[in-house]
Protein backbone atom coordinates (compact mmCIF):
# COMPACT_ATOMS: atom_id res chain seq x y z
CA MET A 1 75.59 65.37 54.91
CA ILE A 2 77.40 62.05 54.33
CA ASN A 3 75.00 61.30 51.47
CA ILE A 4 76.14 64.49 49.72
CA ILE A 5 79.76 63.58 50.37
CA SER A 6 79.35 60.08 48.95
CA ILE A 7 77.68 61.30 45.78
CA ILE A 8 80.18 64.10 45.20
CA LEU A 9 83.31 62.20 46.02
CA GLY A 10 82.72 58.88 44.35
CA ARG A 11 84.51 55.64 45.18
CA GLY A 12 88.14 54.59 45.53
CA LYS A 13 90.96 54.15 48.00
CA HIS A 14 93.43 56.69 46.66
CA ILE A 15 93.11 60.45 46.93
CA LYS A 16 91.35 61.71 43.86
CA ALA A 17 91.64 65.23 42.52
CA ILE A 18 88.56 67.32 41.86
CA SER A 19 88.63 70.75 40.29
CA VAL A 20 86.83 73.66 41.88
CA GLU A 21 84.47 73.87 38.90
CA GLU A 22 83.67 70.15 38.99
CA TYR A 23 82.92 70.39 42.70
CA ILE A 24 80.68 73.42 42.27
CA GLN A 25 78.80 71.81 39.40
CA LEU A 26 78.23 68.62 41.40
CA ARG A 27 77.01 70.51 44.47
CA ALA A 28 74.71 72.65 42.31
CA LYS A 29 73.28 69.53 40.70
CA LEU A 30 72.63 67.97 44.12
CA GLU A 31 71.43 71.19 45.73
CA PRO A 32 69.72 73.28 43.02
CA ASN A 33 68.95 76.14 45.43
CA ILE A 34 72.53 76.52 46.66
CA ASN A 35 74.02 80.00 46.47
CA ILE A 36 76.83 79.51 43.94
CA ALA A 37 78.64 82.72 44.87
CA ARG A 38 78.68 81.72 48.55
CA LEU A 39 79.79 78.19 47.67
CA ARG A 40 82.61 79.50 45.48
CA SER A 41 83.72 81.80 48.31
CA SER A 42 83.68 78.86 50.78
CA VAL A 43 85.77 76.75 48.39
CA GLN A 44 88.30 79.55 47.91
CA LYS A 45 88.55 80.09 51.69
CA ALA A 46 89.03 76.38 52.38
CA ILE A 47 91.78 76.14 49.75
CA ARG A 48 93.46 79.29 51.07
CA ASP A 49 93.28 78.01 54.66
CA LYS A 50 94.78 74.65 53.66
CA LEU A 51 97.60 76.30 51.72
CA GLU A 52 98.29 78.67 54.63
CA GLY A 53 98.74 75.71 56.97
CA TYR A 54 95.52 75.68 58.97
CA ARG A 55 95.09 72.46 60.94
CA CYS A 56 92.15 70.44 62.25
CA ARG A 57 90.72 72.30 65.23
CA HIS A 58 90.21 69.04 67.16
CA CYS A 59 93.39 67.01 66.67
CA ARG A 60 95.71 69.43 64.83
CA GLY A 61 95.86 66.95 61.92
CA GLU A 62 95.92 68.02 58.29
CA LEU A 63 92.95 70.08 57.21
CA TRP A 64 90.77 68.46 54.56
CA ALA A 65 89.79 71.33 52.24
CA VAL A 66 86.82 69.54 50.62
CA GLY A 67 85.55 68.58 54.06
CA ALA A 68 86.03 72.15 55.29
CA VAL A 69 83.65 73.34 52.57
CA ILE A 70 81.06 70.68 53.39
CA THR A 71 81.14 71.18 57.16
CA GLU A 72 82.11 74.87 57.16
CA ASP A 73 84.67 73.98 59.82
CA HIS A 74 88.39 73.24 60.06
CA LEU A 75 88.39 69.45 60.39
CA CYS A 76 90.44 66.53 59.12
CA ASP A 77 88.78 63.49 57.57
CA GLU A 78 89.26 61.40 60.72
CA CYS A 79 87.59 63.96 63.00
CA MET A 80 84.71 64.02 60.53
CA GLY A 81 84.40 60.29 61.22
CA LEU A 82 85.88 59.11 57.93
CA GLU A 83 88.43 56.33 57.80
CA PRO A 84 91.77 57.02 56.10
CA GLY A 85 91.76 55.33 52.71
CA SER A 86 87.98 55.45 52.53
CA GLU A 87 85.85 56.15 49.50
CA TYR A 88 85.83 59.82 50.45
CA ASP A 89 89.53 60.45 49.78
CA VAL A 90 89.27 63.40 47.44
CA GLU A 91 90.87 66.81 47.52
CA PHE A 92 90.85 69.90 45.35
CA ASP A 93 93.34 69.55 42.52
CA VAL A 94 95.02 72.87 43.33
CA VAL A 95 95.68 71.64 46.88
CA LEU A 96 97.16 68.37 45.66
CA GLU A 97 99.40 70.21 43.20
CA LYS A 98 100.71 72.71 45.77
CA VAL A 99 100.82 70.68 49.00
CA TYR A 100 101.63 67.14 47.94
């Protein structure tokens, strides 16, 4: 799982925006047999949940929408075991535009 995250999310210490289409294309490239319709639905649900104020189910921290798609769970980056400011700081562009 982390290998997929690292390839998709790239490197850097600041939150980077990724569009839904970019994310789907990257996942499809890494996982050729992935069900695109199901993936798109998962992305839309994660974005909707983030925008509606869902929180991490463990610590009640901010939900990480990209991570919610990857894990299929409501978790923050820290509860996924990722350090704040790590190379995995990426979020869907629509979330960044509407929340931050």
